[in-house]
Structures are given as C-alpha cells and as structure tokens.
Amino acid sequence: MRSVGATLIWAALAAAIGIPIFAASASPLLAWRDAVYIAAGFAGIVALALVLIQPLLMAGYLPGVSRYRGRRAHHWVGGALVATVVVHVAGLWITSPPDMVDALLFVSPTPFSPWGVLAMWAIFAVALLAVFRRRLKLEPRKWRIAHMVLAVVIVVGSVVHAVLIEGTMETISKTALCVLVVVAAVKVMADLRVWRK
C-alpha cells in the first residue's frame, strides 16, 4: 500500500508539471514566435514548476526522499530555479529589450510584469542569502524568517504573474499548477511552524 501511495504521489506531481508543459507546447501561438522567445517562455513554465517542488523537498513530503536528501536537493533545485529565471529574462530581453526595460523599471503597461519582476528579485535575494549566509553570520531563526518572507514573495509573485499572462499556457492546467504551488507553500509553512521560535 505504501508503494502504491508513493507511486500515486509521484504520478500526481509529474502530471501537475507535465500537463501544463505539454499543453503549452501544443499552443497555436507558438507558430508566430521565434526559438529564443519560445525557450524563454518554457523556461518560465519550468521555473513555476520548480517553485512547486521546492517546498515539497524542504519538508520531506516526496516519497523515497529523506528529509536530509530533500534539503540537499532543495539547494540544487534552488540553483536550477535561478538558472531558469535567468534564461527566461535573458530570452525576453533578446526578443524585446524595450519591454524588458519597462518591466524592470516597473513602468510596463502589462499588469503581469511587476509581479514577475518582484518574484525574480526575491529569487535572486534568497540565492544570495544562501550563498553568503555564513559570511553574514545569520542566526538560524533570522535566516529562516528572511527565507520564508522571500518565499512568500516568490510564490505570490510567480502565481499572479502566471495567472495574468494570456499566452501559450492552457488556462485550466495553468490554474491547477498555480493552486498547487500556493497549497504546497502554505502547508509547508504551517507544518514547519516557521514563524515560531
């Protein structure tokens, strides 16, 4: 029974991530886009999927992955998240520099842009804190609170950014993925009691 449950959990996670990617790959909007723009868009989808995986690894919710291995993987997946965001932003910069400048300066007319930029800076901030944590001599509680505050910004920014974009992602699968990202983040924060001493 335990192995069946584990299989179902992994299958559900694969479906939550794979279906939106597959649906986006079948979008007719891709016919009018060049390769760089398409790569940037799919990097954004992968980044959203990694935002779902991160709390699951941190809390040890994935079957067959111990808490220790989960936290080690959490670091590597965090690095992958930074990389996908860089690819996403760089690709969009190459295809349309003026739009990216407006987005980074928070003057873009598109409502989804500022949320994506906020999530991006929060992701970079978490990565920098993780790298320089020892040099900054952050106490465990301060590090945990800073990490979680930035994680909230990442989750909210990423989800709102994705929901507001009317692009290649199919609406139902995108919404389901966003809901799972929020639910996973809230559950982990509640279970780990990150705000308590």
N, C-alpha and C. Protein backbone atom coordinates (compact mmCIF):
# COMPACT_ATOMS: atom_id res chain seq x y z
N MET A 1 0.82 -1.20 0.00
CA MET A 1 0.00 0.00 0.00
C MET A 1 0.86 1.26 0.00
N ARG A 2 1.96 1.20 0.77
CA ARG A 2 2.82 2.37 0.86
C ARG A 2 3.45 2.67 -0.49
N SER A 3 3.87 1.61 -1.21
CA SER A 3 4.48 1.81 -2.52
C SER A 3 3.48 2.36 -3.53
N VAL A 4 2.22 1.90 -3.39
CA VAL A 4 1.17 2.41 -4.28
C VAL A 4 0.94 3.89 -4.02
N GLY A 5 0.90 4.25 -2.74
CA GLY A 5 0.72 5.66 -2.39
C GLY A 5 1.86 6.52 -2.90
N ALA A 6 3.08 6.01 -2.78
CA ALA A 6 4.24 6.74 -3.26
C ALA A 6 4.18 6.93 -4.77
N THR A 7 3.78 5.89 -5.46
CA THR A 7 3.66 5.96 -6.92
C THR A 7 2.62 7.00 -7.32
N LEU A 8 1.49 7.02 -6.60
CA LEU A 8 0.44 7.98 -6.92
C LEU A 8 0.91 9.41 -6.69
N ILE A 9 1.67 9.63 -5.62
CA ILE A 9 2.17 10.97 -5.33
C ILE A 9 3.11 11.45 -6.43
N TRP A 10 4.05 10.58 -6.81
CA TRP A 10 4.98 10.94 -7.88
C TRP A 10 4.25 11.14 -9.21
N ALA A 11 3.24 10.31 -9.47
CA ALA A 11 2.47 10.44 -10.71
C ALA A 11 1.69 11.76 -10.72
N ALA A 12 1.14 12.12 -9.56
CA ALA A 12 0.39 13.38 -9.47
C ALA A 12 1.31 14.58 -9.68
N LEU A 13 2.51 14.50 -9.11
CA LEU A 13 3.47 15.60 -9.29
C LEU A 13 3.90 15.70 -10.75
N ALA A 14 4.15 14.55 -11.37
CA ALA A 14 4.54 14.54 -12.78
C ALA A 14 3.44 15.11 -13.66
N ALA A 15 2.19 14.77 -13.33
CA ALA A 15 1.06 15.28 -14.11
C ALA A 15 0.90 16.79 -13.91
N ALA A 16 1.06 17.24 -12.65
CA ALA A 16 0.90 18.66 -12.36
C ALA A 16 1.91 19.51 -13.12
N ILE A 17 3.09 18.94 -13.35
CA ILE A 17 4.15 19.67 -14.06
C ILE A 17 4.10 19.38 -15.57
N GLY A 18 3.89 18.11 -15.92
CA GLY A 18 3.97 17.72 -17.32
C GLY A 18 2.81 18.20 -18.17
N ILE A 19 1.60 18.18 -17.62
CA ILE A 19 0.43 18.56 -18.41
C ILE A 19 0.49 20.02 -18.85
N PRO A 20 0.81 20.98 -17.95
CA PRO A 20 0.92 22.37 -18.43
C PRO A 20 1.99 22.56 -19.48
N ILE A 21 3.11 21.86 -19.33
CA ILE A 21 4.19 21.98 -20.33
C ILE A 21 3.73 21.41 -21.67
N PHE A 22 3.09 20.24 -21.63
CA PHE A 22 2.60 19.62 -22.86
C PHE A 22 1.54 20.50 -23.52
N ALA A 23 0.62 21.05 -22.71
CA ALA A 23 -0.44 21.89 -23.26
C ALA A 23 0.15 23.15 -23.89
N ALA A 24 1.16 23.72 -23.26
CA ALA A 24 1.81 24.91 -23.81
C ALA A 24 2.51 24.59 -25.12
N SER A 25 3.10 23.39 -25.20
CA SER A 25 3.82 23.01 -26.43
C SER A 25 2.86 22.84 -27.61
N ALA A 26 1.58 22.62 -27.31
CA ALA A 26 0.59 22.45 -28.37
C ALA A 26 -0.14 23.74 -28.71
N SER A 27 0.25 24.84 -28.09
CA SER A 27 -0.43 26.12 -28.31
C SER A 27 -0.21 26.62 -29.73
N PRO A 28 -1.26 27.07 -30.40
CA PRO A 28 -1.11 27.63 -31.75
C PRO A 28 -0.34 28.94 -31.76
N LEU A 29 -0.22 29.59 -30.61
CA LEU A 29 0.51 30.86 -30.54
C LEU A 29 2.00 30.69 -30.81
N LEU A 30 2.51 29.47 -30.65
CA LEU A 30 3.93 29.24 -30.87
C LEU A 30 4.31 29.40 -32.35
N ALA A 31 3.34 29.30 -33.22
CA ALA A 31 3.63 29.38 -34.66
C ALA A 31 4.17 30.74 -35.07
N TRP A 32 3.85 31.78 -34.27
CA TRP A 32 4.29 33.14 -34.62
C TRP A 32 5.46 33.61 -33.78
N ARG A 33 6.07 32.69 -33.04
CA ARG A 33 7.19 33.07 -32.17
C ARG A 33 8.49 32.45 -32.65
N ASP A 34 9.60 33.16 -32.38
CA ASP A 34 10.89 32.59 -32.76
C ASP A 34 11.41 31.69 -31.64
N ALA A 35 12.52 31.01 -31.91
CA ALA A 35 13.04 30.00 -30.99
C ALA A 35 13.44 30.59 -29.64
N VAL A 36 14.04 31.77 -29.66
CA VAL A 36 14.50 32.39 -28.41
C VAL A 36 13.31 32.72 -27.50
N TYR A 37 12.27 33.28 -28.09
CA TYR A 37 11.08 33.62 -27.31
C TYR A 37 10.42 32.38 -26.74
N ILE A 38 10.35 31.32 -27.55
CA ILE A 38 9.74 30.07 -27.08
C ILE A 38 10.55 29.48 -25.93
N ALA A 39 11.87 29.49 -26.06
CA ALA A 39 12.74 28.97 -24.99
C ALA A 39 12.55 29.78 -23.71
N ALA A 40 12.44 31.09 -23.85
CA ALA A 40 12.24 31.95 -22.68
C ALA A 40 10.91 31.64 -22.01
N GLY A 41 9.87 31.43 -22.82
CA GLY A 41 8.56 31.13 -22.26
C GLY A 41 8.54 29.81 -21.51
N PHE A 42 9.14 28.78 -22.10
CA PHE A 42 9.16 27.48 -21.43
C PHE A 42 10.06 27.48 -20.20
N ALA A 43 11.09 28.31 -20.22
CA ALA A 43 11.91 28.46 -19.00
C ALA A 43 11.07 29.02 -17.87
N GLY A 44 10.16 29.92 -18.20
CA GLY A 44 9.25 30.45 -17.17
C GLY A 44 8.32 29.39 -16.63
N ILE A 45 7.83 28.51 -17.49
CA ILE A 45 6.95 27.43 -17.04
C ILE A 45 7.71 26.47 -16.13
N VAL A 46 8.93 26.13 -16.52
CA VAL A 46 9.76 25.24 -15.70
C VAL A 46 10.05 25.89 -14.35
N ALA A 47 10.30 27.20 -14.36
CA ALA A 47 10.56 27.91 -13.11
C ALA A 47 9.36 27.80 -12.16
N LEU A 48 8.16 27.95 -12.70
CA LEU A 48 6.96 27.81 -11.88
C LEU A 48 6.84 26.41 -11.31
N ALA A 49 7.20 25.41 -12.11
CA ALA A 49 7.18 24.03 -11.63
C ALA A 49 8.18 23.82 -10.51
N LEU A 50 9.34 24.44 -10.61
CA LEU A 50 10.36 24.32 -9.57
C LEU A 50 9.91 24.99 -8.27
N VAL A 51 9.12 26.05 -8.40
CA VAL A 51 8.57 26.71 -7.21
C VAL A 51 7.63 25.76 -6.46
N LEU A 52 6.97 24.87 -7.20
CA LEU A 52 6.15 23.84 -6.56
C LEU A 52 7.00 22.79 -5.87
N ILE A 53 8.09 22.37 -6.52
CA ILE A 53 8.92 21.29 -5.99
C ILE A 53 9.69 21.73 -4.74
N GLN A 54 10.11 22.98 -4.69
CA GLN A 54 10.97 23.44 -3.60
C GLN A 54 10.42 23.18 -2.20
N PRO A 55 9.19 23.60 -1.88
CA PRO A 55 8.70 23.34 -0.52
C PRO A 55 8.50 21.86 -0.24
N LEU A 56 8.15 21.08 -1.26
CA LEU A 56 7.97 19.64 -1.07
C LEU A 56 9.27 18.97 -0.67
N LEU A 57 10.37 19.42 -1.27
CA LEU A 57 11.69 18.90 -0.90
C LEU A 57 12.07 19.33 0.50
N MET A 58 11.83 20.59 0.80
CA MET A 58 12.23 21.14 2.10
C MET A 58 11.54 20.41 3.25
N ALA A 59 10.28 20.08 3.07
CA ALA A 59 9.51 19.46 4.15
C ALA A 59 9.60 17.94 4.15
N GLY A 60 10.24 17.36 3.14
CA GLY A 60 10.36 15.91 3.09
C GLY A 60 9.06 15.21 2.71
N TYR A 61 8.24 15.85 1.88
CA TYR A 61 6.95 15.28 1.52
C TYR A 61 7.03 14.26 0.38
N LEU A 62 8.12 14.25 -0.35
CA LEU A 62 8.21 13.36 -1.51
C LEU A 62 8.67 11.97 -1.08
N PRO A 63 7.91 10.95 -1.41
CA PRO A 63 8.25 9.56 -1.01
C PRO A 63 9.61 9.13 -1.53
N GLY A 64 10.35 8.44 -0.68
CA GLY A 64 11.66 7.94 -1.08
C GLY A 64 12.77 8.96 -0.97
N VAL A 65 12.41 10.19 -0.58
CA VAL A 65 13.42 11.25 -0.42
C VAL A 65 13.44 11.64 1.06
N SER A 66 14.52 11.32 1.75
CA SER A 66 14.61 11.64 3.16
C SER A 66 14.66 13.14 3.37
N ARG A 67 14.42 13.57 4.61
CA ARG A 67 14.46 15.00 4.92
C ARG A 67 15.84 15.58 4.60
N TYR A 68 16.90 14.83 4.94
CA TYR A 68 18.26 15.30 4.66
C TYR A 68 18.50 15.44 3.16
N ARG A 69 18.16 14.39 2.41
CA ARG A 69 18.36 14.45 0.95
C ARG A 69 17.46 15.50 0.32
N GLY A 70 16.26 15.66 0.87
CA GLY A 70 15.35 16.67 0.36
C GLY A 70 15.91 18.07 0.50
N ARG A 71 16.53 18.32 1.66
CA ARG A 71 17.10 19.66 1.87
C ARG A 71 18.34 19.87 1.01
N ARG A 72 19.11 18.83 0.79
CA ARG A 72 20.25 18.94 -0.12
C ARG A 72 19.75 19.22 -1.54
N ALA A 73 18.73 18.49 -1.95
CA ALA A 73 18.15 18.70 -3.28
C ALA A 73 17.52 20.09 -3.39
N HIS A 74 16.97 20.57 -2.26
CA HIS A 74 16.37 21.90 -2.22
C HIS A 74 17.38 22.96 -2.65
N HIS A 75 18.63 22.80 -2.24
CA HIS A 75 19.69 23.75 -2.61
C HIS A 75 19.95 23.69 -4.12
N TRP A 76 20.06 22.47 -4.64
CA TRP A 76 20.34 22.32 -6.07
C TRP A 76 19.17 22.79 -6.93
N VAL A 77 17.97 22.49 -6.50
CA VAL A 77 16.80 22.95 -7.25
C VAL A 77 16.69 24.47 -7.19
N GLY A 78 17.11 25.04 -6.06
CA GLY A 78 17.14 26.49 -5.97
C GLY A 78 18.08 27.09 -7.00
N GLY A 79 19.24 26.45 -7.19
CA GLY A 79 20.17 26.90 -8.23
C GLY A 79 19.56 26.77 -9.61
N ALA A 80 18.84 25.67 -9.84
CA ALA A 80 18.17 25.47 -11.13
C ALA A 80 17.08 26.51 -11.35
N LEU A 81 16.41 26.90 -10.26
CA LEU A 81 15.38 27.93 -10.35
C LEU A 81 15.98 29.27 -10.78
N VAL A 82 17.11 29.62 -10.19
CA VAL A 82 17.81 30.84 -10.59
C VAL A 82 18.18 30.78 -12.06
N ALA A 83 18.70 29.64 -12.50
CA ALA A 83 19.13 29.48 -13.89
C ALA A 83 17.95 29.63 -14.85
N THR A 84 16.81 29.02 -14.53
CA THR A 84 15.65 29.12 -15.43
C THR A 84 15.11 30.54 -15.49
N VAL A 85 15.16 31.25 -14.37
CA VAL A 85 14.71 32.64 -14.37
C VAL A 85 15.65 33.50 -15.23
N VAL A 86 16.95 33.24 -15.13
CA VAL A 86 17.91 33.97 -15.96
C VAL A 86 17.64 33.71 -17.44
N VAL A 87 17.39 32.45 -17.80
CA VAL A 87 17.08 32.11 -19.20
C VAL A 87 15.79 32.81 -19.63
N HIS A 88 14.80 32.79 -18.77
CA HIS A 88 13.51 33.42 -19.06
C HIS A 88 13.68 34.91 -19.34
N VAL A 89 14.37 35.60 -18.44
CA VAL A 89 14.55 37.05 -18.58
C VAL A 89 15.48 37.38 -19.75
N ALA A 90 16.56 36.64 -19.88
CA ALA A 90 17.51 36.90 -20.96
C ALA A 90 16.86 36.69 -22.33
N GLY A 91 16.06 35.65 -22.45
CA GLY A 91 15.38 35.40 -23.72
C GLY A 91 14.42 36.50 -24.08
N LEU A 92 13.66 36.96 -23.09
CA LEU A 92 12.72 38.06 -23.34
C LEU A 92 13.47 39.36 -23.64
N TRP A 93 14.62 39.55 -23.01
CA TRP A 93 15.44 40.73 -23.28
C TRP A 93 15.93 40.72 -24.73
N ILE A 94 16.37 39.55 -25.20
CA ILE A 94 16.86 39.45 -26.57
C ILE A 94 15.76 39.74 -27.57
N THR A 95 14.56 39.24 -27.31
CA THR A 95 13.47 39.42 -28.26
C THR A 95 12.84 40.81 -28.20
N SER A 96 12.88 41.44 -27.02
CA SER A 96 12.25 42.77 -26.90
C SER A 96 12.87 43.56 -25.75
N PRO A 97 14.05 44.16 -25.96
CA PRO A 97 14.71 44.93 -24.90
C PRO A 97 13.87 46.06 -24.31
N PRO A 98 13.15 46.86 -25.13
CA PRO A 98 12.35 47.95 -24.53
C PRO A 98 11.31 47.45 -23.54
N ASP A 99 10.65 46.34 -23.88
CA ASP A 99 9.64 45.79 -22.97
C ASP A 99 10.26 45.34 -21.66
N MET A 100 11.46 44.74 -21.73
CA MET A 100 12.12 44.29 -20.51
C MET A 100 12.60 45.46 -19.66
N VAL A 101 13.06 46.53 -20.31
CA VAL A 101 13.46 47.72 -19.56
C VAL A 101 12.26 48.30 -18.81
N ASP A 102 11.12 48.39 -19.51
CA ASP A 102 9.90 48.89 -18.86
C ASP A 102 9.50 48.01 -17.68
N ALA A 103 9.62 46.68 -17.88
CA ALA A 103 9.25 45.75 -16.81
C ALA A 103 10.16 45.93 -15.60
N LEU A 104 11.46 46.00 -15.83
CA LEU A 104 12.42 46.12 -14.73
C LEU A 104 12.29 47.46 -14.00
N LEU A 105 11.82 48.49 -14.71
CA LEU A 105 11.62 49.81 -14.10
C LEU A 105 10.21 49.98 -13.54
N PHE A 106 9.41 48.92 -13.62
CA PHE A 106 8.03 48.92 -13.12
C PHE A 106 7.16 49.98 -13.81
N VAL A 107 7.39 50.19 -15.09
CA VAL A 107 6.56 51.13 -15.85
C VAL A 107 5.87 50.44 -17.02
N SER A 108 5.92 49.11 -17.05
CA SER A 108 5.30 48.37 -18.14
C SER A 108 3.78 48.46 -18.05
N PRO A 109 3.10 48.65 -19.18
CA PRO A 109 1.63 48.71 -19.16
C PRO A 109 0.96 47.36 -18.91
N THR A 110 1.72 46.27 -19.04
CA THR A 110 1.13 44.95 -18.82
C THR A 110 1.05 44.65 -17.33
N PRO A 111 -0.11 44.26 -16.83
CA PRO A 111 -0.29 44.06 -15.38
C PRO A 111 0.52 42.91 -14.79
N PHE A 112 0.93 41.94 -15.62
CA PHE A 112 1.66 40.79 -15.08
C PHE A 112 3.14 41.07 -14.86
N SER A 113 3.68 42.10 -15.51
CA SER A 113 5.12 42.36 -15.46
C SER A 113 5.67 42.62 -14.05
N PRO A 114 5.06 43.55 -13.28
CA PRO A 114 5.65 43.83 -11.96
C PRO A 114 5.68 42.63 -11.03
N TRP A 115 4.69 41.75 -11.15
CA TRP A 115 4.66 40.55 -10.29
C TRP A 115 5.82 39.61 -10.64
N GLY A 116 6.10 39.48 -11.92
CA GLY A 116 7.21 38.65 -12.34
C GLY A 116 8.54 39.22 -11.90
N VAL A 117 8.68 40.53 -11.98
CA VAL A 117 9.93 41.18 -11.56
C VAL A 117 10.13 41.04 -10.05
N LEU A 118 9.06 41.21 -9.28
CA LEU A 118 9.15 41.03 -7.83
C LEU A 118 9.60 39.62 -7.48
N ALA A 119 8.98 38.63 -8.13
CA ALA A 119 9.36 37.23 -7.88
C ALA A 119 10.82 37.00 -8.27
N MET A 120 11.25 37.59 -9.39
CA MET A 120 12.63 37.42 -9.84
C MET A 120 13.62 37.95 -8.81
N TRP A 121 13.41 39.18 -8.33
CA TRP A 121 14.33 39.75 -7.35
C TRP A 121 14.32 38.98 -6.04
N ALA A 122 13.15 38.45 -5.66
CA ALA A 122 13.08 37.65 -4.43
C ALA A 122 13.86 36.35 -4.59
N ILE A 123 13.78 35.75 -5.77
CA ILE A 123 14.55 34.52 -6.04
C ILE A 123 16.05 34.80 -5.97
N PHE A 124 16.47 35.90 -6.58
CA PHE A 124 17.89 36.26 -6.54
C PHE A 124 18.32 36.57 -5.11
N ALA A 125 17.44 37.22 -4.34
CA ALA A 125 17.78 37.58 -2.96
C ALA A 125 17.97 36.34 -2.09
N VAL A 126 17.08 35.35 -2.25
CA VAL A 126 17.22 34.11 -1.49
C VAL A 126 18.52 33.40 -1.86
N ALA A 127 18.82 33.37 -3.15
CA ALA A 127 20.05 32.70 -3.59
C ALA A 127 21.28 33.38 -3.00
N LEU A 128 21.29 34.71 -3.01
CA LEU A 128 22.45 35.44 -2.46
C LEU A 128 22.56 35.24 -0.96
N LEU A 129 21.43 35.24 -0.26
CA LEU A 129 21.46 34.99 1.19
C LEU A 129 21.98 33.59 1.49
N ALA A 130 21.56 32.62 0.68
CA ALA A 130 22.03 31.25 0.89
C ALA A 130 23.53 31.14 0.67
N VAL A 131 24.04 31.82 -0.35
CA VAL A 131 25.47 31.75 -0.66
C VAL A 131 26.30 32.44 0.41
N PHE A 132 25.82 33.61 0.88
CA PHE A 132 26.61 34.41 1.82
C PHE A 132 26.10 34.32 3.26
N ARG A 133 25.30 33.27 3.52
CA ARG A 133 24.71 33.13 4.85
C ARG A 133 25.76 33.08 5.95
N ARG A 134 26.82 32.31 5.74
CA ARG A 134 27.86 32.18 6.78
C ARG A 134 28.64 33.47 6.96
N ARG A 135 28.93 34.14 5.85
CA ARG A 135 29.67 35.40 5.96
C ARG A 135 28.85 36.47 6.66
N LEU A 136 27.54 36.45 6.41
CA LEU A 136 26.66 37.41 7.06
C LEU A 136 26.38 37.03 8.51
N LYS A 137 26.74 35.79 8.89
CA LYS A 137 26.54 35.28 10.25
C LYS A 137 25.08 35.39 10.68
N LEU A 138 24.21 34.95 9.79
CA LEU A 138 22.79 34.99 10.10
C LEU A 138 22.43 33.89 11.09
N GLU A 139 21.73 34.26 12.14
CA GLU A 139 21.24 33.27 13.09
C GLU A 139 20.18 32.41 12.40
N PRO A 140 20.06 31.14 12.82
CA PRO A 140 19.09 30.24 12.17
C PRO A 140 17.68 30.81 12.09
N ARG A 141 17.21 31.41 13.18
CA ARG A 141 15.84 31.95 13.16
C ARG A 141 15.73 33.12 12.18
N LYS A 142 16.72 34.02 12.15
CA LYS A 142 16.67 35.16 11.24
C LYS A 142 16.73 34.70 9.79
N TRP A 143 17.59 33.69 9.55
CA TRP A 143 17.69 33.14 8.20
C TRP A 143 16.38 32.51 7.78
N ARG A 144 15.76 31.76 8.70
CA ARG A 144 14.50 31.08 8.38
C ARG A 144 13.40 32.09 8.07
N ILE A 145 13.31 33.14 8.88
CA ILE A 145 12.27 34.15 8.65
C ILE A 145 12.52 34.90 7.34
N ALA A 146 13.77 35.30 7.11
CA ALA A 146 14.09 36.00 5.86
C ALA A 146 13.78 35.12 4.66
N HIS A 147 14.14 33.85 4.76
CA HIS A 147 13.89 32.90 3.68
C HIS A 147 12.40 32.76 3.42
N MET A 148 11.62 32.63 4.47
CA MET A 148 10.19 32.42 4.30
C MET A 148 9.48 33.67 3.79
N VAL A 149 9.91 34.85 4.26
CA VAL A 149 9.30 36.09 3.76
C VAL A 149 9.54 36.21 2.25
N LEU A 150 10.78 35.95 1.84
CA LEU A 150 11.09 36.00 0.42
C LEU A 150 10.37 34.89 -0.35
N ALA A 151 10.20 33.74 0.30
CA ALA A 151 9.47 32.64 -0.35
C ALA A 151 8.02 33.03 -0.61
N VAL A 152 7.42 33.75 0.33
CA VAL A 152 6.05 34.23 0.13
C VAL A 152 5.98 35.16 -1.08
N VAL A 153 6.96 36.06 -1.18
CA VAL A 153 7.01 36.98 -2.33
C VAL A 153 7.17 36.19 -3.63
N ILE A 154 8.02 35.17 -3.59
CA ILE A 154 8.25 34.34 -4.78
C ILE A 154 6.97 33.64 -5.20
N VAL A 155 6.28 33.01 -4.25
CA VAL A 155 5.07 32.26 -4.56
C VAL A 155 3.97 33.19 -5.07
N VAL A 156 3.72 34.26 -4.34
CA VAL A 156 2.65 35.18 -4.74
C VAL A 156 2.98 35.84 -6.08
N GLY A 157 4.21 36.33 -6.21
CA GLY A 157 4.60 36.98 -7.45
C GLY A 157 4.54 36.05 -8.64
N SER A 158 5.06 34.83 -8.47
CA SER A 158 5.07 33.86 -9.57
C SER A 158 3.66 33.46 -9.99
N VAL A 159 2.80 33.21 -9.01
CA VAL A 159 1.44 32.77 -9.30
C VAL A 159 0.64 33.88 -9.98
N VAL A 160 0.68 35.08 -9.43
CA VAL A 160 -0.08 36.18 -10.04
C VAL A 160 0.46 36.48 -11.44
N HIS A 161 1.78 36.45 -11.58
CA HIS A 161 2.42 36.68 -12.88
C HIS A 161 1.90 35.66 -13.91
N ALA A 162 1.87 34.40 -13.52
CA ALA A 162 1.42 33.35 -14.44
C ALA A 162 -0.06 33.46 -14.76
N VAL A 163 -0.88 33.72 -13.75
CA VAL A 163 -2.33 33.79 -13.95
C VAL A 163 -2.71 34.95 -14.87
N LEU A 164 -2.03 36.08 -14.72
CA LEU A 164 -2.40 37.26 -15.51
C LEU A 164 -1.94 37.18 -16.97
N ILE A 165 -0.95 36.32 -17.24
CA ILE A 165 -0.47 36.21 -18.62
C ILE A 165 -1.45 35.39 -19.46
N GLU A 166 -1.86 35.94 -20.58
CA GLU A 166 -2.69 35.21 -21.54
C GLU A 166 -1.79 34.82 -22.70
N GLY A 167 -1.13 33.68 -22.55
CA GLY A 167 -0.15 33.27 -23.54
C GLY A 167 -0.31 31.82 -23.93
N THR A 168 0.82 31.14 -24.03
CA THR A 168 0.80 29.76 -24.53
C THR A 168 0.27 28.75 -23.51
N MET A 169 0.32 29.06 -22.22
CA MET A 169 -0.14 28.10 -21.23
C MET A 169 -1.66 27.95 -21.29
N GLU A 170 -2.12 26.71 -21.23
CA GLU A 170 -3.55 26.42 -21.22
C GLU A 170 -4.13 26.80 -19.86
N THR A 171 -5.31 27.40 -19.85
CA THR A 171 -5.85 28.04 -18.64
C THR A 171 -6.07 27.07 -17.49
N ILE A 172 -6.73 25.95 -17.74
CA ILE A 172 -7.08 25.04 -16.64
C ILE A 172 -5.85 24.42 -16.01
N SER A 173 -4.94 23.89 -16.83
CA SER A 173 -3.74 23.26 -16.28
C SER A 173 -2.85 24.30 -15.60
N LYS A 174 -2.80 25.51 -16.14
CA LYS A 174 -2.02 26.57 -15.50
C LYS A 174 -2.60 26.93 -14.14
N THR A 175 -3.92 27.06 -14.08
CA THR A 175 -4.58 27.39 -12.82
C THR A 175 -4.35 26.30 -11.78
N ALA A 176 -4.45 25.04 -12.21
CA ALA A 176 -4.24 23.92 -11.30
C ALA A 176 -2.82 23.94 -10.74
N LEU A 177 -1.84 24.21 -11.60
CA LEU A 177 -0.44 24.26 -11.16
C LEU A 177 -0.24 25.41 -10.17
N CYS A 178 -0.84 26.55 -10.44
CA CYS A 178 -0.71 27.70 -9.54
C CYS A 178 -1.36 27.42 -8.18
N VAL A 179 -2.52 26.77 -8.19
CA VAL A 179 -3.18 26.41 -6.94
C VAL A 179 -2.30 25.46 -6.12
N LEU A 180 -1.70 24.49 -6.78
CA LEU A 180 -0.82 23.55 -6.09
C LEU A 180 0.40 24.25 -5.51
N VAL A 181 0.94 25.22 -6.22
CA VAL A 181 2.08 25.98 -5.71
C VAL A 181 1.71 26.69 -4.41
N VAL A 182 0.55 27.32 -4.39
CA VAL A 182 0.11 28.04 -3.19
C VAL A 182 -0.18 27.07 -2.05
N VAL A 183 -0.89 25.98 -2.34
CA VAL A 183 -1.23 25.00 -1.30
C VAL A 183 0.02 24.38 -0.69
N ALA A 184 0.98 24.02 -1.53
CA ALA A 184 2.22 23.42 -1.04
C ALA A 184 2.97 24.39 -0.13
N ALA A 185 3.06 25.64 -0.55
CA ALA A 185 3.78 26.64 0.26
C ALA A 185 3.11 26.87 1.60
N VAL A 186 1.79 27.01 1.59
CA VAL A 186 1.05 27.25 2.84
C VAL A 186 1.17 26.06 3.78
N LYS A 187 1.03 24.86 3.24
CA LYS A 187 1.11 23.66 4.09
C LYS A 187 2.48 23.51 4.72
N VAL A 188 3.53 23.74 3.93
CA VAL A 188 4.88 23.60 4.48
C VAL A 188 5.13 24.64 5.57
N MET A 189 4.72 25.86 5.34
CA MET A 189 4.92 26.90 6.35
C MET A 189 4.14 26.58 7.62
N ALA A 190 2.95 26.01 7.48
CA ALA A 190 2.16 25.65 8.65
C ALA A 190 2.76 24.46 9.38
N ASP A 191 3.19 23.45 8.62
CA ASP A 191 3.73 22.24 9.24
C ASP A 191 5.07 22.48 9.92
N LEU A 192 5.92 23.29 9.29
CA LEU A 192 7.24 23.56 9.86
C LEU A 192 7.22 24.67 10.91
N ARG A 193 6.08 25.32 11.03
CA ARG A 193 5.90 26.39 12.03
C ARG A 193 7.06 27.40 11.96
N VAL A 194 7.26 27.92 10.76
CA VAL A 194 8.43 28.75 10.52
C VAL A 194 8.39 30.08 11.26
N TRP A 195 7.21 30.49 11.68
CA TRP A 195 7.12 31.80 12.35
C TRP A 195 7.31 31.70 13.86
N ARG A 196 7.38 30.48 14.37
CA ARG A 196 7.51 30.31 15.82
C ARG A 196 8.96 30.12 16.20
N LYS A 197 9.26 30.38 17.46
CA LYS A 197 10.63 30.18 17.96
C LYS A 197 10.90 28.69 18.07
